Amino acid sequence: MESIGRYRIIKVLGKGATATVYLCHDPEADREVAVKVIDFGVDGSAMSRRMRKLFQNEGMVSQRMNHPNIVRVYDAVVEEDRAYLAMEYIKGFSLEECIRIDKLLPMHRVIGIIFKCCMALDSAFRQGIIHRDIKPANIMVAENDEPKIADFGLALNLSKDMDRDSTFIMGVGSPAYMSPEQIKGYQLNQKTDLYSMGVVLFQLLTGRLPFRAANQATLIYRIINTDAPKITALKPNLPAALDPIIRKALEKDLYSRYKNGAEFAKDLSTVRFQILDEDDTVLDSKHFEILRKLEFFTEFENIELWEVLRVAVWRDIAPKVAIIREGEHNKMFGIVVSGHVEVSMEGKVLCRLGPGEIIGEVAYLHPTSDLRHATVTSLEPVLFVEINASALSLSSEELMERMRNTLLGRMIKRLREVNQIAAAQGLPAVESGTGSTTNVTDQRQSRPGGLDLELSPM
């Protein structure tokens, strides 16, 4: 095709299962537009009829929307076997590009974007429209971090009688972002969009969804029946003030959830003004490069290293500060990035550790006890990366396995070094040569009651 109606095709922007989006030129308005084309087919199937209804709904609803943070629809045309929408062309990116742990936006940008989205949803609801499919892929971001909510194809017009509204389809939406009431097929209001926006906010800040599962049935059960973890448990560097905001957005009880987008946005604004507008992605990149050079992380995949950064807290520690104390109970562990620390037990020095060395790993790995048996003290200014054990427990299985295996490998290496030191100071062995040594089996057979071993003090 060279054109779609009056719109001259420039290139394909994207293609999905049911629609193709083209970048086109509108000669009448002399502007670039995005044209979404849906092929209905000519078989008259149920799917074809459903697609036609969804398209008619999107065209009708979107043309009513007039808000700077909602994608404008200029034209909607329905033909016999296809239909197309001419929409505002957004030069930017989709939030779907920003949900991986290694692609997260700075916190102040995330909060600013979601603030504007909440206000847009508030405007839509005042016009009697709820979206029903809020997810990162449906939020574009233009220049100056101006979000644009797109794809109102599943929107519900509250001004219509839902019992007779042919565009109302139960169970629409993307399961991971659907509210409990949407999953249950209950009557919806604007609060379902606010729940979905809370899920998007959670994912943009942490790099993971609040509810995860190996299959859709388990995911749906968790959305309906379990509480989401605190985001500060997943990412300790986030301000604690975000926890109650996200908890309220993700409330299963409709009476306790935000009543409108303006209320949600107001709470976000209080946190927004507490945050410095610094580009922490630059700092994250620097921290990533620092960890990448440490021997401990040699076997870690890049995505796992970004996950480590999510659960880590970077600490500048002054000299003669106890990082870990004997007798304490905790599972904190971490890595010395620069400087040296001293490990002691009962007032006696055990060893000194420098850059790249792990401390505190024994209590973390112990299956039943988190009691500390040694004290770790900084000898000079130390840069220390503390790994939050609680947050790590909520990370991916791949990272947890990699971390555990690497820690065990480092512990075994240290144990062998201790054995070498002990051997160097020990008594001569009973037999250091070969040929005349009696093996354990022979001794057990020759002596009633088995082999009797004793450890002599050094």
Protein backbone atom coordinates (compact mmCIF):
# COMPACT_ATOMS: atom_id res chain seq x y z
CA MET A 1 0.00 0.00 0.00
CA GLU A 2 1.09 3.54 -0.73
CA SER A 3 -1.77 5.23 1.09
CA ILE A 4 -4.59 4.65 3.55
CA GLY A 5 -7.49 6.85 2.60
CA ARG A 6 -6.04 10.31 2.24
CA TYR A 7 -2.97 9.44 4.34
CA ARG A 8 0.28 8.75 2.50
CA ILE A 9 2.29 5.93 4.09
CA ILE A 10 5.86 6.78 5.14
CA LYS A 11 6.79 3.59 7.02
CA VAL A 12 5.52 0.86 9.33
CA LEU A 13 5.78 1.76 13.02
CA GLY A 14 4.61 -1.55 14.47
CA LYS A 15 2.61 -4.66 13.84
CA GLY A 16 0.52 -6.72 16.24
CA ALA A 17 -1.81 -9.69 16.08
CA THR A 18 -4.83 -7.65 14.99
CA ALA A 19 -3.51 -4.28 13.82
CA THR A 20 -0.68 -2.54 11.99
CA VAL A 21 0.39 1.02 12.75
CA TYR A 22 1.88 3.21 10.01
CA LEU A 23 3.57 6.58 10.07
CA CYS A 24 1.73 8.65 7.51
CA HIS A 25 1.50 12.20 6.19
CA ASP A 26 -1.82 14.00 6.35
CA PRO A 27 -1.86 16.39 3.33
CA GLU A 28 -4.88 18.34 4.56
CA ALA A 29 -3.37 19.24 7.93
CA ASP A 30 0.24 18.96 6.68
CA ARG A 31 1.35 16.88 9.65
CA GLU A 32 2.62 13.41 10.48
CA VAL A 33 0.05 11.05 11.95
CA ALA A 34 0.03 7.48 13.19
CA VAL A 35 -2.59 5.41 11.38
CA LYS A 36 -3.75 2.16 12.97
CA VAL A 37 -5.28 -0.27 10.50
CA ILE A 38 -7.38 -3.26 11.56
CA ASP A 39 -8.37 -5.94 9.05
CA PHE A 40 -11.75 -7.43 9.97
CA GLY A 41 -11.78 -10.14 7.34
CA VAL A 42 -14.79 -11.06 5.27
CA ASP A 43 -15.83 -14.29 6.99
CA GLY A 44 -18.22 -12.66 9.45
CA SER A 45 -16.73 -14.69 12.31
CA ALA A 46 -17.24 -13.87 15.97
CA MET A 47 -13.66 -12.59 16.15
CA SER A 48 -14.27 -10.34 13.14
CA ARG A 49 -17.41 -8.92 14.72
CA ARG A 50 -15.63 -8.42 18.04
CA MET A 51 -12.77 -6.53 16.38
CA ARG A 52 -15.24 -4.28 14.56
CA LYS A 53 -17.00 -3.45 17.85
CA LEU A 54 -13.72 -2.75 19.61
CA PHE A 55 -12.59 -0.46 16.82
CA GLN A 56 -15.88 1.42 16.73
CA ASN A 57 -15.58 1.84 20.48
CA GLU A 58 -12.02 3.16 20.29
CA GLY A 59 -12.89 5.64 17.56
CA MET A 60 -15.98 6.87 19.37
CA VAL A 61 -14.32 7.16 22.78
CA SER A 62 -10.95 8.55 21.68
CA GLN A 63 -12.44 11.38 19.65
CA ARG A 64 -14.19 12.57 22.81
CA MET A 65 -10.94 12.73 24.78
CA ASN A 66 -9.30 16.14 24.92
CA HIS A 67 -6.42 16.09 27.36
CA PRO A 68 -2.71 16.80 26.81
CA ASN A 69 -1.79 13.40 28.27
CA ILE A 70 -4.18 11.33 26.15
CA VAL A 71 -3.37 10.49 22.53
CA ARG A 72 -5.57 12.56 20.20
CA VAL A 73 -7.62 10.79 17.51
CA TYR A 74 -8.25 12.92 14.43
CA ASP A 75 -10.14 10.56 12.18
CA ALA A 76 -11.91 7.18 12.38
CA VAL A 77 -13.05 5.34 9.25
CA VAL A 78 -14.86 1.98 9.10
CA GLU A 79 -14.88 0.10 5.77
CA GLU A 80 -16.31 -3.27 4.80
CA ASP A 81 -13.25 -5.38 5.55
CA ARG A 82 -11.05 -2.99 7.52
CA ALA A 83 -10.98 0.20 9.57
CA TYR A 84 -8.38 2.76 10.47
CA LEU A 85 -7.72 5.47 13.02
CA ALA A 86 -5.59 8.54 12.31
CA MET A 87 -3.97 9.53 15.60
CA GLU A 88 -1.48 11.94 17.05
CA TYR A 89 2.04 10.71 16.25
CA ILE A 90 4.18 10.54 19.38
CA LYS A 91 7.92 10.91 18.88
CA GLY A 92 9.16 9.14 21.96
CA PHE A 93 9.05 5.76 23.63
CA SER A 94 6.67 3.37 25.34
CA LEU A 95 6.91 2.73 29.07
CA GLU A 96 7.22 -0.94 28.15
CA GLU A 97 10.84 -0.10 27.34
CA CYS A 98 11.41 1.01 30.94
CA ILE A 99 10.23 -1.95 33.03
CA ARG A 100 13.38 -4.10 32.91
CA ILE A 101 15.63 -3.82 35.92
CA ASP A 102 18.49 -2.57 33.74
CA LYS A 103 16.32 0.00 31.92
CA LEU A 104 14.54 1.76 34.78
CA LEU A 105 13.96 5.50 34.61
CA PRO A 106 15.12 7.77 37.46
CA MET A 107 12.65 7.83 40.32
CA HIS A 108 11.73 11.51 39.98
CA ARG A 109 10.88 11.00 36.30
CA VAL A 110 8.71 7.97 37.05
CA ILE A 111 6.71 9.82 39.67
CA GLY A 112 6.28 12.83 37.38
CA ILE A 113 5.02 10.64 34.52
CA ILE A 114 2.56 8.69 36.66
CA PHE A 115 1.33 11.94 38.25
CA LYS A 116 0.31 13.22 34.81
CA CYS A 117 -1.26 9.87 33.87
CA CYS A 118 -3.40 9.96 37.01
CA MET A 119 -4.66 13.42 36.09
CA ALA A 120 -5.45 12.20 32.56
CA LEU A 121 -7.46 9.26 33.94
CA ASP A 122 -9.27 11.69 36.21
CA SER A 123 -10.23 13.79 33.19
CA ALA A 124 -11.38 10.73 31.25
CA PHE A 125 -13.58 9.57 34.11
CA ARG A 126 -15.22 12.98 34.39
CA GLN A 127 -16.25 12.44 30.77
CA GLY A 128 -17.68 9.04 31.68
CA ILE A 129 -14.81 6.90 30.34
CA ILE A 130 -12.61 4.29 32.01
CA HIS A 131 -9.77 2.70 30.06
CA ARG A 132 -9.73 -0.91 31.41
CA ASP A 133 -6.36 -1.77 29.85
CA ILE A 134 -3.78 0.46 31.54
CA LYS A 135 -0.32 -1.08 31.11
CA PRO A 136 3.18 0.17 30.14
CA ALA A 137 2.68 -0.65 26.45
CA ASN A 138 -0.31 1.71 26.33
CA ILE A 139 1.55 4.71 27.73
CA MET A 140 3.80 6.62 25.35
CA VAL A 141 6.26 9.24 26.56
CA ALA A 142 6.97 12.29 24.39
CA GLU A 143 9.43 15.13 24.83
CA ASN A 144 9.83 16.64 28.32
CA ASP A 145 8.46 13.40 29.82
CA GLU A 146 4.92 14.14 28.65
CA PRO A 147 3.03 10.83 28.88
CA LYS A 148 0.29 10.01 26.40
CA ILE A 149 -2.22 7.30 27.28
CA ALA A 150 -3.20 5.38 24.16
CA ASP A 151 -5.46 2.55 23.03
CA PHE A 152 -8.94 3.15 24.35
CA GLY A 153 -10.20 0.15 22.37
CA LEU A 154 -11.28 -1.60 25.56
CA ALA A 155 -12.64 1.53 27.21
CA LEU A 156 -15.99 1.39 28.93
CA ASN A 157 -18.47 4.21 28.42
CA LEU A 158 -20.18 4.56 31.79
CA SER A 159 -22.93 6.67 30.29
CA LYS A 160 -24.32 3.63 28.48
CA ASP A 161 -26.38 0.81 29.90
CA MET A 162 -23.82 -1.94 30.30
CA ASP A 163 -26.49 -4.62 29.98
CA ARG A 164 -27.21 -3.42 26.44
CA ASP A 165 -23.82 -2.01 25.49
CA SER A 166 -22.42 -4.24 22.76
CA THR A 167 -18.90 -2.93 23.35
CA PHE A 168 -18.82 -4.17 26.95
CA ILE A 169 -16.84 -7.42 27.01
CA MET A 170 -16.13 -9.26 30.23
CA GLY A 171 -12.57 -10.24 31.06
CA VAL A 172 -10.80 -7.72 28.83
CA GLY A 173 -7.43 -6.31 29.81
CA SER A 174 -3.98 -7.70 30.53
CA PRO A 175 -4.11 -10.11 33.53
CA ALA A 176 -0.95 -8.88 35.30
CA TYR A 177 -2.37 -5.33 35.41
CA MET A 178 -6.04 -6.16 36.01
CA SER A 179 -7.74 -5.22 39.27
CA PRO A 180 -9.30 -7.96 41.45
CA GLU A 181 -12.80 -6.76 40.55
CA GLN A 182 -11.97 -6.82 36.84
CA ILE A 183 -10.73 -10.40 37.09
CA LYS A 184 -13.91 -11.39 38.92
CA GLY A 185 -16.06 -9.78 36.24
CA TYR A 186 -17.66 -7.29 38.62
CA GLN A 187 -19.07 -3.95 37.57
CA LEU A 188 -16.20 -1.51 37.06
CA ASN A 189 -15.63 2.13 37.86
CA GLN A 190 -12.64 4.48 37.63
CA LYS A 191 -10.89 2.71 40.51
CA THR A 192 -9.96 -0.22 38.27
CA ASP A 193 -7.74 2.10 36.19
CA LEU A 194 -6.12 3.49 39.34
CA TYR A 195 -5.30 -0.04 40.48
CA SER A 196 -3.67 -0.78 37.11
CA MET A 197 -1.73 2.49 37.30
CA GLY A 198 -0.49 1.41 40.74
CA VAL A 199 0.83 -1.81 39.18
CA VAL A 200 2.59 0.21 36.46
CA LEU A 201 4.14 2.52 39.09
CA PHE A 202 5.31 -0.49 41.13
CA GLN A 203 6.94 -2.05 38.05
CA LEU A 204 8.60 1.17 36.87
CA LEU A 205 10.19 1.67 40.30
CA THR A 206 11.30 -1.90 41.02
CA GLY A 207 11.69 -3.64 37.68
CA ARG A 208 9.18 -6.37 38.56
CA LEU A 209 5.44 -6.86 38.94
CA PRO A 210 3.83 -6.83 42.40
CA PHE A 211 2.39 -10.29 41.74
CA ARG A 212 4.35 -12.98 39.91
CA ALA A 213 3.56 -16.61 39.17
CA ALA A 214 4.57 -19.46 36.87
CA ASN A 215 1.09 -19.69 35.36
CA GLN A 216 -1.96 -17.49 34.87
CA ALA A 217 -4.18 -19.37 37.34
CA THR A 218 -1.71 -18.81 40.19
CA LEU A 219 -1.22 -15.19 39.14
CA ILE A 220 -4.95 -14.53 39.27
CA TYR A 221 -5.20 -16.20 42.69
CA ARG A 222 -2.45 -13.97 44.06
CA ILE A 223 -3.95 -10.79 42.64
CA ILE A 224 -7.27 -11.59 44.32
CA ASN A 225 -6.00 -13.02 47.62
CA THR A 226 -2.49 -11.85 48.52
CA ASP A 227 -0.87 -8.52 49.35
CA ALA A 228 1.91 -7.03 47.26
CA PRO A 229 5.33 -6.67 48.91
CA LYS A 230 6.45 -3.23 50.02
CA ILE A 231 8.53 -1.56 47.34
CA THR A 232 11.09 -0.51 49.97
CA ALA A 233 11.54 -4.22 50.76
CA LEU A 234 12.41 -4.77 47.11
CA LYS A 235 14.45 -1.60 46.63
CA PRO A 236 15.70 -0.15 49.93
CA ASN A 237 16.83 3.12 48.35
CA LEU A 238 13.26 4.18 47.57
CA PRO A 239 11.62 6.66 49.99
CA ALA A 240 9.38 5.02 52.59
CA ALA A 241 6.62 7.54 51.73
CA LEU A 242 5.94 5.58 48.54
CA ASP A 243 4.87 2.45 50.42
CA PRO A 244 1.49 3.75 51.67
CA ILE A 245 0.75 5.34 48.28
CA ILE A 246 1.24 2.12 46.34
CA ARG A 247 -0.54 0.11 49.04
CA LYS A 248 -3.58 2.37 48.69
CA ALA A 249 -3.51 2.16 44.89
CA LEU A 250 -3.37 -1.66 45.07
CA GLU A 251 -6.08 -2.03 47.73
CA LYS A 252 -8.40 -4.95 47.01
CA ASP A 253 -11.12 -3.20 49.03
CA LEU A 254 -12.63 -0.57 46.72
CA TYR A 255 -13.61 1.63 49.65
CA SER A 256 -9.97 1.88 50.75
CA ARG A 257 -8.49 2.48 47.29
CA TYR A 258 -8.00 5.96 45.79
CA LYS A 259 -11.38 7.35 44.79
CA ASN A 260 -10.07 9.29 41.79
CA GLY A 261 -6.92 10.09 39.85
CA ALA A 262 -6.58 13.55 41.38
CA GLU A 263 -6.32 12.06 44.88
CA PHE A 264 -3.66 9.59 43.69
CA ALA A 265 -1.73 12.41 41.96
CA LYS A 266 -1.88 14.63 45.05
CA ASP A 267 -0.16 12.00 47.19
CA LEU A 268 2.48 11.46 44.50
CA SER A 269 3.19 15.19 44.42
CA THR A 270 4.10 15.18 48.12
CA VAL A 271 6.80 12.60 47.42
CA ARG A 272 7.85 14.26 44.16
CA PHE A 273 8.90 17.45 45.90
CA GLN A 274 11.00 15.53 48.42
CA ILE A 275 13.18 14.05 45.67
CA LEU A 276 16.19 15.77 44.15
CA ASP A 277 15.98 16.03 40.38
CA GLU A 278 19.28 14.27 39.87
CA ASP A 279 19.71 11.72 37.14
CA ASP A 280 20.29 8.61 39.22
CA THR A 281 20.55 6.52 36.06
CA VAL A 282 24.02 8.02 35.60
CA LEU A 283 24.92 7.01 39.16
CA ASP A 284 23.47 3.52 38.60
CA SER A 285 25.61 3.13 35.49
CA LYS A 286 28.72 4.10 37.47
CA HIS A 287 27.83 1.62 40.20
CA PHE A 288 27.23 -1.07 37.58
CA GLU A 289 30.72 -0.54 36.12
CA ILE A 290 32.27 -0.69 39.60
CA LEU A 291 30.59 -4.02 40.41
CA ARG A 292 31.35 -5.40 36.95
CA LYS A 293 35.09 -5.07 37.68
CA LEU A 294 34.93 -6.96 41.00
CA GLU A 295 36.05 -10.59 40.87
CA PHE A 296 33.06 -11.66 42.97
CA PHE A 297 30.66 -10.75 40.15
CA THR A 298 32.65 -12.29 37.29
CA GLU A 299 30.06 -15.01 36.60
CA PHE A 300 27.01 -12.75 37.02
CA GLU A 301 24.98 -11.93 33.92
CA ASN A 302 24.43 -8.21 33.26
CA ILE A 303 20.73 -8.45 34.07
CA GLU A 304 21.60 -10.16 37.38
CA LEU A 305 24.06 -7.39 38.19
CA TRP A 306 21.36 -4.78 37.60
CA GLU A 307 19.14 -6.77 39.96
CA VAL A 308 21.90 -6.66 42.58
CA LEU A 309 21.94 -2.87 42.26
CA ARG A 310 18.21 -2.83 42.96
CA VAL A 311 18.61 -4.60 46.32
CA ALA A 312 21.88 -2.90 47.29
CA VAL A 313 22.59 0.16 49.42
CA TRP A 314 25.91 1.97 48.91
CA ARG A 315 27.44 3.17 52.16
CA ASP A 316 30.42 5.45 52.84
CA ILE A 317 31.76 4.28 56.21
CA ALA A 318 34.16 6.30 58.36
CA PRO A 319 37.21 4.67 60.02
CA LYS A 320 36.74 2.61 63.20
CA VAL A 321 33.04 1.96 62.64
CA ALA A 322 31.63 -1.49 63.46
CA ILE A 323 29.79 -2.69 60.34
CA ILE A 324 28.84 -6.01 61.98
CA ARG A 325 28.93 -6.79 65.72
CA GLU A 326 29.22 -10.09 67.59
CA GLY A 327 25.96 -11.10 69.22
CA GLU A 328 23.71 -9.22 66.81
CA HIS A 329 20.95 -10.97 64.89
CA ASN A 330 20.62 -10.11 61.19
CA LYS A 331 21.32 -11.55 57.74
CA MET A 332 22.88 -8.48 56.19
CA PHE A 333 25.97 -9.10 54.08
CA GLY A 334 27.91 -7.11 51.54
CA ILE A 335 31.04 -6.36 49.60
CA VAL A 336 33.96 -4.07 50.37
CA VAL A 337 34.44 -1.90 47.28
CA SER A 338 37.32 0.20 48.59
CA GLY A 339 39.26 0.42 51.84
CA HIS A 340 40.02 -2.32 54.39
CA VAL A 341 38.16 -3.88 57.31
CA GLU A 342 39.25 -5.97 60.29
CA VAL A 343 37.45 -9.15 61.34
CA SER A 344 37.73 -10.05 65.04
CA MET A 345 36.28 -12.52 67.51
CA GLU A 346 36.20 -12.01 71.26
CA GLY A 347 38.62 -9.11 70.91
CA LYS A 348 41.16 -11.08 68.86
CA VAL A 349 41.96 -10.27 65.24
CA LEU A 350 41.12 -13.01 62.75
CA CYS A 351 42.01 -11.29 59.48
CA ARG A 352 41.88 -8.15 57.41
CA LEU A 353 39.88 -7.91 54.20
CA GLY A 354 40.15 -5.48 51.31
CA PRO A 355 38.39 -4.49 48.07
CA GLY A 356 36.25 -7.19 46.47
CA GLU A 357 35.91 -9.23 49.67
CA ILE A 358 32.55 -10.38 51.09
CA ILE A 359 31.64 -9.91 54.76
CA GLY A 360 28.66 -11.23 56.72
CA GLU A 361 27.91 -14.12 54.37
CA VAL A 362 27.93 -16.87 57.03
CA ALA A 363 24.85 -15.59 58.87
CA TYR A 364 23.09 -15.06 55.54
CA LEU A 365 23.77 -18.61 54.36
CA HIS A 366 23.08 -20.33 57.67
CA PRO A 367 19.75 -22.19 57.38
CA THR A 368 18.56 -21.65 60.97
CA SER A 369 20.60 -18.98 62.76
CA ASP A 370 21.32 -15.32 62.02
CA LEU A 371 23.53 -14.84 65.11
CA ARG A 372 26.78 -12.97 64.46
CA HIS A 373 29.93 -14.63 65.80
CA ALA A 374 32.45 -12.01 64.66
CA THR A 375 32.84 -8.24 64.52
CA VAL A 376 33.79 -6.38 61.34
CA THR A 377 35.30 -2.89 61.79
CA SER A 378 36.48 -0.38 59.19
CA LEU A 379 40.18 0.46 59.41
CA GLU A 380 39.96 3.47 57.07
CA PRO A 381 37.26 5.14 54.94
CA VAL A 382 35.38 2.24 53.33
CA LEU A 383 32.94 2.12 50.45
CA PHE A 384 30.62 -0.78 51.23
CA VAL A 385 27.80 -2.27 49.18
CA GLU A 386 25.23 -3.70 51.58
CA ILE A 387 22.95 -6.40 50.16
CA ASN A 388 19.50 -6.36 51.72
CA ALA A 389 18.70 -10.03 52.44
CA SER A 390 14.93 -9.44 52.59
CA ALA A 391 14.92 -7.73 49.21
CA LEU A 392 17.18 -10.41 47.77
CA SER A 393 14.67 -13.08 48.84
CA LEU A 394 12.09 -11.40 46.60
CA SER A 395 14.40 -11.28 43.59
CA SER A 396 14.46 -13.67 40.66
CA GLU A 397 15.30 -17.32 41.27
CA GLU A 398 18.23 -16.98 38.86
CA LEU A 399 19.83 -14.21 40.93
CA MET A 400 19.26 -16.01 44.24
CA GLU A 401 20.85 -19.20 42.92
CA ARG A 402 23.80 -17.31 41.44
CA MET A 403 24.36 -15.36 44.66
CA ARG A 404 24.16 -18.46 46.86
CA ASN A 405 26.52 -20.47 44.66
CA THR A 406 29.03 -17.62 44.48
CA LEU A 407 28.95 -17.10 48.25
CA LEU A 408 29.39 -20.82 48.89
CA GLY A 409 32.33 -20.91 46.48
CA ARG A 410 33.96 -17.98 48.28
CA MET A 411 33.37 -19.60 51.69
CA ILE A 412 34.94 -22.87 50.55
CA LYS A 413 37.96 -20.99 49.20
CA ARG A 414 38.41 -19.25 52.56
CA LEU A 415 37.99 -22.52 54.45
CA ARG A 416 40.75 -24.08 52.38
CA GLU A 417 43.01 -21.11 53.15
CA VAL A 418 42.29 -21.52 56.87
CA ASN A 419 43.08 -25.24 56.59
CA GLN A 420 46.43 -24.41 54.99
CA ILE A 421 47.26 -22.02 57.84
CA ALA A 422 46.22 -24.62 60.42
CA ALA A 423 48.27 -27.31 58.66
CA ALA A 424 51.34 -25.06 58.61
CA GLN A 425 51.14 -24.75 62.40
CA GLY A 426 50.09 -28.34 63.12
CA LEU A 427 52.01 -31.41 64.29
CA PRO A 428 53.62 -33.76 61.76
CA ALA A 429 51.19 -36.24 60.25
CA VAL A 430 51.30 -39.89 61.33
CA GLU A 431 52.40 -40.89 57.84
CA SER A 432 53.26 -38.41 55.10
CA GLY A 433 54.58 -40.96 52.58
CA THR A 434 52.87 -43.77 50.68
CA GLY A 435 53.00 -47.53 50.68
CA SER A 436 52.76 -48.30 54.41
CA THR A 437 49.61 -46.38 55.40
CA THR A 438 46.73 -48.45 56.74
CA ASN A 439 43.41 -47.26 55.31
CA VAL A 440 40.36 -46.44 57.40
CA THR A 441 38.44 -49.54 56.34
CA ASP A 442 41.24 -51.84 57.40
CA GLN A 443 41.51 -50.14 60.82
CA ARG A 444 37.74 -50.35 61.35
CA GLN A 445 37.80 -54.06 60.60
CA SER A 446 40.83 -54.77 62.78
CA ARG A 447 39.67 -52.88 65.86
CA PRO A 448 36.46 -53.69 67.71
CA GLY A 449 34.09 -50.74 67.98
CA GLY A 450 35.49 -49.00 64.89
CA LEU A 451 38.08 -46.28 64.44
CA ASP A 452 38.79 -43.97 67.39
CA LEU A 453 40.02 -40.52 66.21
CA GLU A 454 41.22 -37.67 68.44
CA LEU A 455 42.06 -34.08 67.56
CA SER A 456 45.18 -32.85 69.37
CA PRO A 457 45.42 -29.17 70.30
CA MET A 458 47.96 -27.13 68.29
